[in-house]
N, C-alpha and C. Protein backbone atom coordinates (compact mmCIF):
# COMPACT_ATOMS: atom_id res chain seq x y z
N UNK A 1 119.37 117.20 114.06
CA UNK A 1 119.64 115.84 114.49
C UNK A 1 118.93 114.87 113.55
N UNK A 2 119.54 113.75 113.33
CA UNK A 2 119.00 112.74 112.42
C UNK A 2 117.70 112.16 112.97
N UNK A 3 116.68 112.08 112.12
CA UNK A 3 115.41 111.52 112.57
C UNK A 3 115.55 110.04 112.86
N UNK A 4 116.34 109.35 112.08
CA UNK A 4 116.56 107.92 112.32
C UNK A 4 117.46 107.74 113.54
N UNK A 5 118.51 108.55 113.63
CA UNK A 5 119.50 108.39 114.70
C UNK A 5 118.96 108.66 116.08
N UNK A 6 117.96 109.51 116.21
CA UNK A 6 117.47 109.82 117.55
C UNK A 6 116.38 108.87 118.05
N UNK A 7 115.95 107.93 117.21
CA UNK A 7 114.96 106.94 117.66
C UNK A 7 115.59 106.02 118.70
N UNK A 8 114.79 105.63 119.66
CA UNK A 8 115.25 104.76 120.73
C UNK A 8 115.10 103.30 120.28
N UNK A 9 116.10 102.48 120.60
CA UNK A 9 116.05 101.05 120.28
C UNK A 9 115.61 100.32 121.55
N UNK A 10 114.53 99.56 121.44
CA UNK A 10 114.03 98.76 122.56
C UNK A 10 114.69 97.38 122.50
N UNK A 11 115.28 96.95 123.61
CA UNK A 11 115.88 95.62 123.68
C UNK A 11 114.83 94.62 124.16
N UNK A 12 114.47 93.61 123.34
CA UNK A 12 113.51 92.61 123.79
C UNK A 12 114.12 91.71 124.87
N UNK A 13 113.27 90.94 125.52
CA UNK A 13 113.74 90.03 126.56
C UNK A 13 114.69 89.01 125.96
N UNK A 14 115.80 88.77 126.64
CA UNK A 14 116.77 87.78 126.18
C UNK A 14 117.87 88.34 125.30
N UNK A 15 117.80 89.63 124.95
CA UNK A 15 118.83 90.25 124.11
C UNK A 15 119.71 91.12 124.98
N UNK A 16 121.03 90.89 124.88
CA UNK A 16 122.00 91.68 125.66
C UNK A 16 122.91 92.45 124.71
N UNK A 17 123.32 93.63 125.13
CA UNK A 17 124.19 94.47 124.31
C UNK A 17 125.36 94.93 125.17
N UNK A 18 126.58 94.84 124.60
CA UNK A 18 127.77 95.28 125.29
C UNK A 18 128.66 96.08 124.35
N UNK A 19 129.22 97.18 124.85
CA UNK A 19 130.08 98.03 124.04
C UNK A 19 131.52 97.66 124.32
N UNK A 20 132.26 97.32 123.24
CA UNK A 20 133.66 96.96 123.36
C UNK A 20 134.52 97.99 122.67
N UNK A 21 135.71 97.61 122.28
CA UNK A 21 136.64 98.53 121.63
C UNK A 21 136.26 98.69 120.16
N UNK A 22 135.56 99.76 119.83
CA UNK A 22 135.22 100.05 118.45
C UNK A 22 134.08 99.24 117.87
N UNK A 23 133.40 98.47 118.71
CA UNK A 23 132.26 97.71 118.21
C UNK A 23 131.27 97.43 119.34
N UNK A 24 130.06 97.10 118.92
CA UNK A 24 128.99 96.77 119.87
C UNK A 24 128.64 95.29 119.67
N UNK A 25 128.67 94.53 120.74
CA UNK A 25 128.31 93.11 120.69
C UNK A 25 126.84 92.97 121.07
N UNK A 26 126.05 92.34 120.20
CA UNK A 26 124.64 92.09 120.46
C UNK A 26 124.45 90.58 120.49
N UNK A 27 123.87 90.08 121.60
CA UNK A 27 123.71 88.64 121.77
C UNK A 27 122.27 88.33 122.15
N UNK A 28 121.72 87.28 121.53
CA UNK A 28 120.35 86.90 121.81
C UNK A 28 120.13 85.43 121.51
N UNK A 29 118.87 85.00 121.52
CA UNK A 29 118.58 83.57 121.30
C UNK A 29 118.92 83.08 119.90
N UNK A 30 118.93 83.94 118.89
CA UNK A 30 119.21 83.53 117.51
C UNK A 30 120.69 83.61 117.14
N UNK A 31 121.52 84.17 118.01
CA UNK A 31 122.95 84.23 117.70
C UNK A 31 123.62 85.45 118.30
N UNK A 32 124.81 85.74 117.78
CA UNK A 32 125.63 86.84 118.28
C UNK A 32 126.13 87.63 117.08
N UNK A 33 126.04 88.98 117.13
CA UNK A 33 126.50 89.84 116.05
C UNK A 33 127.35 90.96 116.63
N UNK A 34 128.27 91.47 115.82
CA UNK A 34 129.10 92.61 116.18
C UNK A 34 128.86 93.73 115.18
N UNK A 35 128.55 94.93 115.69
CA UNK A 35 128.30 96.09 114.84
C UNK A 35 129.43 97.08 115.08
N UNK A 36 130.12 97.55 114.02
CA UNK A 36 131.20 98.51 114.22
C UNK A 36 130.67 99.84 114.75
N UNK A 37 131.43 100.46 115.64
CA UNK A 37 131.05 101.74 116.24
C UNK A 37 132.05 102.79 115.77
N UNK A 38 131.63 103.72 114.88
CA UNK A 38 132.55 104.73 114.37
C UNK A 38 133.00 105.70 115.48
N UNK A 39 134.16 106.31 115.27
CA UNK A 39 134.62 107.29 116.25
C UNK A 39 133.69 108.50 116.21
N UNK A 40 133.39 109.05 117.38
CA UNK A 40 132.48 110.18 117.49
C UNK A 40 131.04 109.77 117.74
N UNK A 41 130.74 108.49 117.70
CA UNK A 41 129.40 107.98 117.97
C UNK A 41 129.46 107.19 119.27
N UNK A 42 128.50 107.44 120.17
CA UNK A 42 128.48 106.73 121.46
C UNK A 42 127.12 106.10 121.69
N UNK A 43 127.08 105.16 122.62
CA UNK A 43 125.87 104.41 122.94
C UNK A 43 125.52 104.66 124.40
N UNK A 44 124.27 105.05 124.67
CA UNK A 44 123.76 105.17 126.04
C UNK A 44 122.75 104.06 126.25
N UNK A 45 123.03 103.18 127.23
CA UNK A 45 122.15 102.06 127.49
C UNK A 45 121.56 102.21 128.89
N UNK A 46 120.22 102.22 128.97
CA UNK A 46 119.52 102.30 130.25
C UNK A 46 118.42 101.25 130.26
N UNK A 47 118.51 100.31 131.19
CA UNK A 47 117.53 99.22 131.31
C UNK A 47 117.39 98.47 129.98
N UNK A 48 116.24 98.59 129.33
CA UNK A 48 116.02 97.87 128.07
C UNK A 48 115.93 98.82 126.88
N UNK A 49 116.51 100.02 127.00
CA UNK A 49 116.51 100.97 125.88
C UNK A 49 117.94 101.39 125.56
N UNK A 50 118.17 101.64 124.29
CA UNK A 50 119.49 102.07 123.82
C UNK A 50 119.30 103.32 122.97
N UNK A 51 120.15 104.32 123.21
CA UNK A 51 120.13 105.55 122.43
C UNK A 51 121.50 105.76 121.81
N UNK A 52 121.52 106.14 120.54
CA UNK A 52 122.77 106.41 119.83
C UNK A 52 122.97 107.92 119.80
N UNK A 53 124.16 108.38 120.23
CA UNK A 53 124.45 109.82 120.27
C UNK A 53 125.72 110.10 119.48
N UNK A 54 125.85 111.34 119.02
CA UNK A 54 127.05 111.74 118.29
C UNK A 54 127.74 112.88 119.04
N UNK A 55 129.06 112.99 118.83
CA UNK A 55 129.87 113.94 119.58
C UNK A 55 129.73 115.37 119.04
N UNK A 56 129.54 115.54 117.76
CA UNK A 56 129.47 116.87 117.18
C UNK A 56 128.44 116.95 116.09
N UNK A 57 128.55 118.02 115.29
CA UNK A 57 127.58 118.24 114.23
C UNK A 57 128.25 118.24 112.85
N UNK A 58 129.40 117.57 112.76
CA UNK A 58 130.11 117.51 111.47
C UNK A 58 129.31 116.64 110.49
N UNK A 59 129.52 116.88 109.21
CA UNK A 59 128.74 116.19 108.18
C UNK A 59 128.92 114.68 108.23
N UNK A 60 130.15 114.20 108.42
CA UNK A 60 130.37 112.76 108.46
C UNK A 60 129.76 112.12 109.71
N UNK A 61 129.74 112.84 110.83
CA UNK A 61 129.11 112.31 112.04
C UNK A 61 127.59 112.25 111.88
N UNK A 62 127.03 113.25 111.23
CA UNK A 62 125.57 113.25 111.00
C UNK A 62 125.19 112.05 110.12
N UNK A 63 126.03 111.75 109.13
CA UNK A 63 125.75 110.62 108.24
C UNK A 63 125.88 109.29 108.99
N UNK A 64 126.89 109.16 109.83
CA UNK A 64 127.12 107.91 110.55
C UNK A 64 126.16 107.70 111.71
N UNK A 65 125.53 108.77 112.18
CA UNK A 65 124.60 108.68 113.31
C UNK A 65 123.41 107.79 112.97
N UNK A 66 122.71 108.10 111.91
CA UNK A 66 121.56 107.31 111.50
C UNK A 66 121.94 105.91 111.04
N UNK A 67 123.08 105.81 110.35
CA UNK A 67 123.54 104.50 109.88
C UNK A 67 123.82 103.56 111.05
N UNK A 68 124.52 104.06 112.06
CA UNK A 68 124.86 103.22 113.21
C UNK A 68 123.60 102.77 113.95
N UNK A 69 122.63 103.68 114.11
CA UNK A 69 121.38 103.33 114.78
C UNK A 69 120.62 102.26 113.98
N UNK A 70 120.58 102.39 112.65
CA UNK A 70 119.88 101.41 111.82
C UNK A 70 120.57 100.05 111.89
N UNK A 71 121.90 100.03 111.85
CA UNK A 71 122.64 98.77 111.94
C UNK A 71 122.41 98.09 113.29
N UNK A 72 122.37 98.89 114.37
CA UNK A 72 122.12 98.33 115.70
C UNK A 72 120.70 97.78 115.80
N UNK A 73 119.73 98.51 115.27
CA UNK A 73 118.34 98.05 115.32
C UNK A 73 118.18 96.76 114.52
N UNK A 74 118.84 96.65 113.36
CA UNK A 74 118.79 95.42 112.56
C UNK A 74 119.43 94.26 113.31
N UNK A 75 120.54 94.52 114.02
CA UNK A 75 121.21 93.47 114.78
C UNK A 75 120.34 93.00 115.95
N UNK A 76 119.68 93.95 116.62
CA UNK A 76 118.81 93.59 117.75
C UNK A 76 117.65 92.74 117.27
N UNK A 77 117.03 93.13 116.16
CA UNK A 77 115.93 92.33 115.63
C UNK A 77 116.42 90.97 115.13
N UNK A 78 117.62 90.95 114.55
CA UNK A 78 118.17 89.70 114.02
C UNK A 78 118.44 88.67 115.10
N UNK A 79 119.07 89.08 116.21
CA UNK A 79 119.38 88.12 117.27
C UNK A 79 118.14 87.80 118.11
N UNK A 80 117.12 88.65 118.04
CA UNK A 80 115.89 88.39 118.78
C UNK A 80 114.90 87.54 118.00
N UNK A 81 114.52 88.01 116.81
CA UNK A 81 113.51 87.31 116.00
C UNK A 81 114.10 86.65 114.77
N UNK A 82 115.12 87.23 114.19
CA UNK A 82 115.72 86.72 112.97
C UNK A 82 115.14 87.39 111.74
N UNK A 83 115.79 87.20 110.60
CA UNK A 83 115.36 87.77 109.32
C UNK A 83 115.06 86.62 108.37
N UNK A 84 114.03 86.79 107.54
CA UNK A 84 113.65 85.75 106.58
C UNK A 84 113.41 86.38 105.22
N UNK A 85 113.96 85.76 104.18
CA UNK A 85 113.66 86.11 102.79
C UNK A 85 113.13 84.86 102.12
N UNK A 86 112.04 85.01 101.35
CA UNK A 86 111.46 83.87 100.65
C UNK A 86 111.59 84.08 99.16
N UNK A 87 111.96 83.00 98.47
CA UNK A 87 112.07 83.02 97.02
C UNK A 87 111.23 81.89 96.44
N UNK A 88 110.68 82.11 95.25
CA UNK A 88 109.91 81.09 94.55
C UNK A 88 110.70 80.61 93.35
N UNK A 89 110.79 79.30 93.18
CA UNK A 89 111.39 78.69 91.99
C UNK A 89 110.22 78.28 91.11
N UNK A 90 110.02 78.99 89.99
CA UNK A 90 108.84 78.80 89.14
C UNK A 90 109.28 78.27 87.80
N UNK A 91 108.69 77.18 87.35
CA UNK A 91 108.98 76.63 86.03
C UNK A 91 108.83 75.13 86.01
N UNK A 92 108.41 74.61 84.89
CA UNK A 92 108.27 73.17 84.73
C UNK A 92 109.67 72.56 84.67
N UNK A 93 109.92 71.60 85.54
CA UNK A 93 111.24 70.96 85.60
C UNK A 93 112.22 71.67 86.50
N UNK A 94 111.86 72.83 87.03
CA UNK A 94 112.74 73.55 87.95
C UNK A 94 112.53 72.99 89.35
N UNK A 95 113.61 72.59 90.00
CA UNK A 95 113.54 71.97 91.31
C UNK A 95 114.57 72.58 92.25
N UNK A 96 114.30 72.42 93.55
CA UNK A 96 115.25 72.81 94.59
C UNK A 96 115.09 71.86 95.76
N UNK A 97 116.23 71.42 96.33
CA UNK A 97 116.18 70.56 97.51
C UNK A 97 117.47 70.73 98.31
N UNK A 98 117.34 70.58 99.61
CA UNK A 98 118.48 70.73 100.51
C UNK A 98 119.10 69.36 100.71
N UNK A 99 120.43 69.30 100.51
CA UNK A 99 121.21 68.07 100.73
C UNK A 99 122.42 68.43 101.59
N UNK A 100 122.33 68.15 102.86
CA UNK A 100 123.43 68.46 103.78
C UNK A 100 123.61 69.97 103.89
N UNK A 101 124.83 70.44 103.61
CA UNK A 101 125.12 71.88 103.68
C UNK A 101 125.07 72.52 102.28
N UNK A 102 124.32 71.91 101.35
CA UNK A 102 124.16 72.43 100.00
C UNK A 102 122.69 72.46 99.63
N UNK A 103 122.33 73.38 98.73
CA UNK A 103 121.00 73.38 98.13
C UNK A 103 121.21 73.02 96.67
N UNK A 104 120.55 71.96 96.21
CA UNK A 104 120.65 71.51 94.83
C UNK A 104 119.54 72.15 94.02
N UNK A 105 119.90 72.89 92.98
CA UNK A 105 118.93 73.53 92.10
C UNK A 105 119.01 72.88 90.73
N UNK A 106 117.86 72.60 90.16
CA UNK A 106 117.75 72.17 88.77
C UNK A 106 116.96 73.28 88.07
N UNK A 107 117.64 74.12 87.31
CA UNK A 107 117.04 75.34 86.78
C UNK A 107 117.11 75.44 85.26
N UNK A 108 117.12 74.31 84.58
CA UNK A 108 117.13 74.34 83.13
C UNK A 108 118.51 74.46 82.52
N UNK A 109 119.55 74.46 83.35
CA UNK A 109 120.92 74.44 82.83
C UNK A 109 121.27 73.00 82.43
N UNK A 110 122.40 72.82 81.80
CA UNK A 110 122.82 71.48 81.41
C UNK A 110 123.33 70.68 82.61
N UNK A 111 123.46 71.34 83.76
CA UNK A 111 123.98 70.69 84.95
C UNK A 111 123.21 71.19 86.18
N UNK A 112 123.13 70.39 87.23
CA UNK A 112 122.51 70.90 88.47
C UNK A 112 123.47 71.88 89.15
N UNK A 113 122.90 72.85 89.84
CA UNK A 113 123.69 73.87 90.53
C UNK A 113 123.68 73.54 92.02
N UNK A 114 124.86 73.37 92.61
CA UNK A 114 124.99 73.14 94.04
C UNK A 114 125.37 74.46 94.70
N UNK A 115 124.49 74.97 95.56
CA UNK A 115 124.72 76.24 96.23
C UNK A 115 125.06 75.96 97.69
N UNK A 116 126.26 76.35 98.17
CA UNK A 116 126.63 76.07 99.56
C UNK A 116 125.87 76.98 100.53
N UNK A 117 125.46 76.41 101.66
CA UNK A 117 124.77 77.19 102.70
C UNK A 117 125.83 77.75 103.64
N UNK A 118 125.92 79.09 103.76
CA UNK A 118 126.94 79.69 104.64
C UNK A 118 126.65 79.42 106.12
N UNK A 119 127.68 79.53 106.93
CA UNK A 119 127.53 79.38 108.38
C UNK A 119 126.62 80.49 108.91
N UNK A 120 125.78 80.15 109.84
CA UNK A 120 124.90 81.14 110.45
C UNK A 120 123.57 81.32 109.74
N UNK A 121 123.37 80.61 108.63
CA UNK A 121 122.10 80.71 107.89
C UNK A 121 121.43 79.35 107.84
N UNK A 122 120.10 79.37 107.75
CA UNK A 122 119.34 78.16 107.54
C UNK A 122 118.55 78.35 106.24
N UNK A 123 118.58 77.35 105.38
CA UNK A 123 117.82 77.39 104.14
C UNK A 123 116.92 76.16 104.12
N UNK A 124 115.63 76.41 103.89
CA UNK A 124 114.64 75.32 103.81
C UNK A 124 113.90 75.44 102.50
N UNK A 125 113.46 74.30 101.96
CA UNK A 125 112.72 74.27 100.70
C UNK A 125 111.38 73.61 100.95
N UNK A 126 110.32 74.30 100.52
CA UNK A 126 108.96 73.75 100.62
C UNK A 126 108.44 73.59 99.21
N UNK A 127 107.94 72.40 98.88
CA UNK A 127 107.38 72.17 97.55
C UNK A 127 105.87 72.34 97.61
N UNK A 128 105.32 72.92 96.58
CA UNK A 128 103.87 73.07 96.51
C UNK A 128 103.43 73.20 95.06
N UNK A 129 102.21 72.87 94.83
CA UNK A 129 101.61 73.02 93.50
C UNK A 129 100.56 74.11 93.61
N UNK A 130 100.71 75.17 92.86
CA UNK A 130 99.76 76.29 92.93
C UNK A 130 98.79 76.23 91.77
N UNK A 131 97.89 77.20 91.73
CA UNK A 131 96.88 77.26 90.68
C UNK A 131 97.50 77.52 89.31
N UNK A 132 98.66 78.19 89.29
CA UNK A 132 99.32 78.42 88.01
C UNK A 132 99.89 77.11 87.50
N UNK A 133 100.04 76.94 86.21
CA UNK A 133 100.45 75.63 85.69
C UNK A 133 101.89 75.25 85.99
N UNK A 134 102.71 76.16 86.47
CA UNK A 134 104.11 75.86 86.71
C UNK A 134 104.33 75.30 88.11
N UNK A 135 105.34 74.47 88.22
CA UNK A 135 105.78 73.94 89.51
C UNK A 135 106.38 75.08 90.31
N UNK A 136 106.09 75.13 91.61
CA UNK A 136 106.64 76.19 92.45
C UNK A 136 107.25 75.55 93.69
N UNK A 137 108.49 75.92 94.00
CA UNK A 137 109.13 75.55 95.25
C UNK A 137 109.49 76.86 95.96
N UNK A 138 109.23 76.93 97.25
CA UNK A 138 109.56 78.12 98.03
C UNK A 138 110.83 77.86 98.80
N UNK A 139 111.82 78.72 98.61
CA UNK A 139 113.10 78.63 99.32
C UNK A 139 113.11 79.70 100.39
N UNK A 140 113.27 79.29 101.66
CA UNK A 140 113.30 80.23 102.77
C UNK A 140 114.73 80.37 103.27
N UNK A 141 115.25 81.60 103.23
CA UNK A 141 116.58 81.90 103.74
C UNK A 141 116.39 82.63 105.06
N UNK A 142 116.91 82.08 106.16
CA UNK A 142 116.70 82.67 107.48
C UNK A 142 118.03 82.77 108.21
N UNK A 143 118.17 83.83 109.02
CA UNK A 143 119.38 84.02 109.82
C UNK A 143 119.29 85.27 110.64
N UNK A 144 120.32 85.54 111.44
CA UNK A 144 120.34 86.70 112.32
C UNK A 144 120.88 87.94 111.63
N UNK A 145 121.80 87.77 110.68
CA UNK A 145 122.45 88.89 110.01
C UNK A 145 121.63 89.31 108.78
N UNK A 146 121.04 90.51 108.83
CA UNK A 146 120.17 90.97 107.74
C UNK A 146 120.92 91.08 106.42
N UNK A 147 122.14 91.59 106.48
CA UNK A 147 122.94 91.75 105.26
C UNK A 147 123.22 90.40 104.61
N UNK A 148 123.61 89.42 105.41
CA UNK A 148 123.94 88.10 104.87
C UNK A 148 122.71 87.40 104.29
N UNK A 149 121.56 87.53 104.97
CA UNK A 149 120.33 86.92 104.46
C UNK A 149 119.96 87.53 103.11
N UNK A 150 120.02 88.85 103.01
CA UNK A 150 119.69 89.51 101.74
C UNK A 150 120.68 89.19 100.64
N UNK A 151 121.96 89.12 100.98
CA UNK A 151 122.99 88.82 99.98
C UNK A 151 122.84 87.41 99.42
N UNK A 152 122.61 86.44 100.29
CA UNK A 152 122.46 85.06 99.84
C UNK A 152 121.18 84.90 99.03
N UNK A 153 120.10 85.58 99.43
CA UNK A 153 118.86 85.52 98.66
C UNK A 153 119.08 86.11 97.26
N UNK A 154 119.84 87.19 97.16
CA UNK A 154 120.13 87.80 95.86
C UNK A 154 121.00 86.87 95.01
N UNK A 155 121.95 86.17 95.63
CA UNK A 155 122.79 85.24 94.88
C UNK A 155 121.97 84.05 94.37
N UNK A 156 121.03 83.57 95.17
CA UNK A 156 120.17 82.47 94.72
C UNK A 156 119.31 82.94 93.56
N UNK A 157 118.76 84.15 93.65
CA UNK A 157 117.93 84.70 92.57
C UNK A 157 118.74 84.85 91.28
N UNK A 158 120.01 85.19 91.41
CA UNK A 158 120.85 85.41 90.22
C UNK A 158 121.20 84.11 89.50
N UNK A 159 120.93 82.94 90.10
CA UNK A 159 121.19 81.68 89.43
C UNK A 159 120.33 81.53 88.17
N UNK A 160 119.08 82.02 88.22
CA UNK A 160 118.18 82.02 87.07
C UNK A 160 117.14 83.12 87.32
N UNK A 161 117.45 84.37 86.93
CA UNK A 161 116.48 85.47 87.12
C UNK A 161 115.20 85.20 86.33
N UNK A 162 114.08 85.81 86.72
CA UNK A 162 112.82 85.56 86.02
C UNK A 162 112.90 85.91 84.54
N UNK A 163 112.33 85.03 83.71
CA UNK A 163 112.31 85.23 82.26
C UNK A 163 111.29 86.31 81.91
N UNK A 164 111.61 87.15 80.95
CA UNK A 164 110.72 88.25 80.58
C UNK A 164 109.53 87.79 79.75
N UNK A 165 109.58 86.59 79.18
CA UNK A 165 108.49 86.13 78.30
C UNK A 165 107.56 85.12 78.97
N UNK A 166 108.12 84.18 79.73
CA UNK A 166 107.28 83.17 80.37
C UNK A 166 107.18 83.35 81.88
N UNK A 167 108.09 84.13 82.47
CA UNK A 167 108.07 84.34 83.91
C UNK A 167 108.75 83.24 84.70
N UNK A 168 109.41 82.29 84.02
CA UNK A 168 110.09 81.20 84.70
C UNK A 168 111.37 81.72 85.35
N UNK A 169 111.78 81.07 86.42
CA UNK A 169 113.04 81.42 87.06
C UNK A 169 112.88 81.51 88.56
N UNK A 170 113.85 82.13 89.21
CA UNK A 170 113.84 82.31 90.66
C UNK A 170 113.50 83.77 90.92
N UNK A 171 112.48 83.98 91.76
CA UNK A 171 112.05 85.36 92.09
C UNK A 171 111.71 85.43 93.57
N UNK A 172 111.71 86.65 94.10
CA UNK A 172 111.25 86.85 95.47
C UNK A 172 109.76 86.56 95.52
N UNK A 173 109.25 86.14 96.66
CA UNK A 173 107.87 85.71 96.78
C UNK A 173 106.88 86.81 96.39
N UNK A 174 107.14 88.04 96.80
CA UNK A 174 106.20 89.13 96.50
C UNK A 174 106.60 89.92 95.26
N UNK A 175 107.59 89.46 94.51
CA UNK A 175 108.06 90.18 93.33
C UNK A 175 107.05 90.04 92.19
N UNK A 176 106.76 91.16 91.54
CA UNK A 176 105.86 91.15 90.39
C UNK A 176 106.73 91.14 89.14
N UNK A 177 106.53 90.11 88.30
CA UNK A 177 107.31 89.98 87.08
C UNK A 177 106.43 90.39 85.90
N UNK A 178 106.83 91.44 85.21
CA UNK A 178 106.09 91.87 84.03
C UNK A 178 106.58 91.05 82.85
N UNK A 179 105.65 90.40 82.17
CA UNK A 179 106.04 89.59 81.03
C UNK A 179 105.76 90.34 79.74
N UNK A 180 106.64 90.12 78.77
CA UNK A 180 106.47 90.74 77.45
C UNK A 180 105.53 89.89 76.59
N UNK A 181 105.00 90.50 75.56
CA UNK A 181 104.02 89.81 74.72
C UNK A 181 104.69 88.77 73.83
N UNK A 182 105.81 89.06 73.22
CA UNK A 182 106.46 88.13 72.32
C UNK A 182 106.08 88.41 70.88
N UNK A 183 106.47 87.51 70.00
CA UNK A 183 106.18 87.70 68.58
C UNK A 183 104.71 87.43 68.27
N UNK A 184 104.19 88.17 67.32
CA UNK A 184 102.80 87.98 66.86
C UNK A 184 102.80 87.20 65.57
N UNK A 185 101.83 86.30 65.45
CA UNK A 185 101.72 85.52 64.22
C UNK A 185 101.12 86.34 63.09
N UNK A 186 101.44 85.98 61.85
CA UNK A 186 100.95 86.75 60.70
C UNK A 186 99.50 86.47 60.40
């Protein structure tokens, strides 16, 4: 049996789960999510605990058992507490600010980049000056859907990935950027 699949999911207060036709609806204070339920996988719900079970021992069912449990656990945490990814915009002249349903980035391109904020996500920008000589703005991407939060954070990072020589660009808050030495003078 899958070690991940047999773990019990605890439902926090305020989170409700309902099994429909081929999907599981999870609803909580942060929103509502639907998780697909593969054939051969079933859900046992008792009080505030949920257990994911499989019908047989076929290879594809064993693979989907742990996956379904992980997706359900992510959905439960998402609608209960939410998911947050933080990115740092590092560099002199690099800016980020929220304007309506867009985030305006100034990242050293010849034009400002307008990034649309998808439905169901909140993006906030905090400006701060750190001990390092570069300007730093922290962009917080928050939402209930873990996949969407991670995807949007990756798309924001791809606007200007960290430079290998100076370290300027958009990076995750805890990301370590190794910088190269560069050319040596004669």
